[in-house]
Protein backbone atom coordinates (compact mmCIF):
# COMPACT_ATOMS: atom_id res chain seq x y z
CA UNK A 1 -18.26 -31.79 -10.33
CA UNK A 2 -15.18 -29.67 -10.91
CA UNK A 3 -15.81 -26.22 -12.41
CA UNK A 4 -13.07 -24.17 -14.06
CA UNK A 5 -12.98 -20.39 -14.58
CA UNK A 6 -10.73 -18.03 -16.53
CA UNK A 7 -10.55 -14.24 -16.16
CA UNK A 8 -8.77 -11.28 -17.72
CA UNK A 9 -7.98 -8.58 -15.19
CA UNK A 10 -6.37 -5.20 -14.61
CA UNK A 11 -4.62 -4.01 -11.47
CA UNK A 12 -5.11 -0.40 -10.37
CA UNK A 13 -3.17 1.97 -8.15
CA UNK A 14 -4.28 5.54 -7.56
CA UNK A 15 -7.10 5.09 -10.06
CA UNK A 16 -4.74 4.19 -12.90
CA UNK A 17 -4.12 0.77 -14.44
CA UNK A 18 -0.65 -0.51 -13.56
CA UNK A 19 -0.81 -4.12 -14.76
CA UNK A 20 -2.95 -6.69 -16.50
CA UNK A 21 -3.04 -10.44 -16.80
CA UNK A 22 -5.05 -13.63 -16.78
CA UNK A 23 -5.96 -15.95 -13.92
CA UNK A 24 -7.65 -19.34 -13.56
CA UNK A 25 -9.53 -20.92 -10.68
CA UNK A 26 -11.13 -24.34 -10.16
CA UNK A 27 -13.88 -25.19 -7.68
CA UNK A 28 -15.29 -28.51 -6.55
CA UNK A 29 -19.08 -28.08 -6.52
CA UNK A 30 -21.66 -30.71 -5.62
CA UNK A 31 -24.53 -28.72 -7.07
CA UNK A 32 -23.76 -26.14 -9.74
CA UNK A 33 -27.00 -24.26 -9.05
CA UNK A 34 -25.98 -23.57 -5.44
CA UNK A 35 -22.65 -22.01 -6.40
CA UNK A 36 -22.39 -18.37 -5.32
CA UNK A 37 -21.05 -16.21 -8.21
CA UNK A 38 -19.68 -13.70 -5.68
CA UNK A 39 -17.41 -16.42 -4.27
CA UNK A 40 -16.02 -17.13 -7.74
CA UNK A 41 -15.34 -13.42 -8.36
CA UNK A 42 -13.73 -13.05 -4.93
CA UNK A 43 -11.48 -16.08 -5.48
CA UNK A 44 -10.36 -14.84 -8.91
CA UNK A 45 -9.57 -11.36 -7.56
CA UNK A 46 -7.67 -12.87 -4.61
CA UNK A 47 -5.53 -15.08 -6.88
CA UNK A 48 -4.75 -12.18 -9.22
CA UNK A 49 -3.82 -9.92 -6.29
CA UNK A 50 -1.54 -12.55 -4.75
CA UNK A 51 0.28 -12.96 -8.07
CA UNK A 52 1.28 -9.27 -8.04
CA UNK A 53 1.48 -8.37 -4.35
CA UNK A 54 -1.51 -6.02 -4.41
CA UNK A 55 -4.84 -5.97 -2.57
CA UNK A 56 -7.87 -7.75 -4.10
CA UNK A 57 -9.75 -4.42 -4.07
CA UNK A 58 -7.18 -3.15 -6.62
CA UNK A 59 -8.12 -5.87 -9.13
CA UNK A 60 -10.80 -5.28 -11.74
CA UNK A 61 -12.01 -8.36 -13.59
CA UNK A 62 -12.61 -7.45 -17.23
CA UNK A 63 -14.03 -10.78 -18.37
CA UNK A 64 -14.87 -14.05 -16.63
CA UNK A 65 -15.51 -17.28 -18.53
CA UNK A 66 -16.43 -20.72 -17.33
CA UNK A 67 -14.46 -23.36 -19.17
């Protein structure tokens, strides 16, 4: 089963928001109940950070939705 996620996020530097955007991520999961939510959050933060050249720790997810 392929699961799809969408998130709004903000990027922070020095405690202040410097950017915002949206990101998507898809995961192939055999059993939806065994999916670790922390892995989904980590993957979304990583993708958002890569898009802007910042560290994942600088990304705050504002909303996550499963599509």
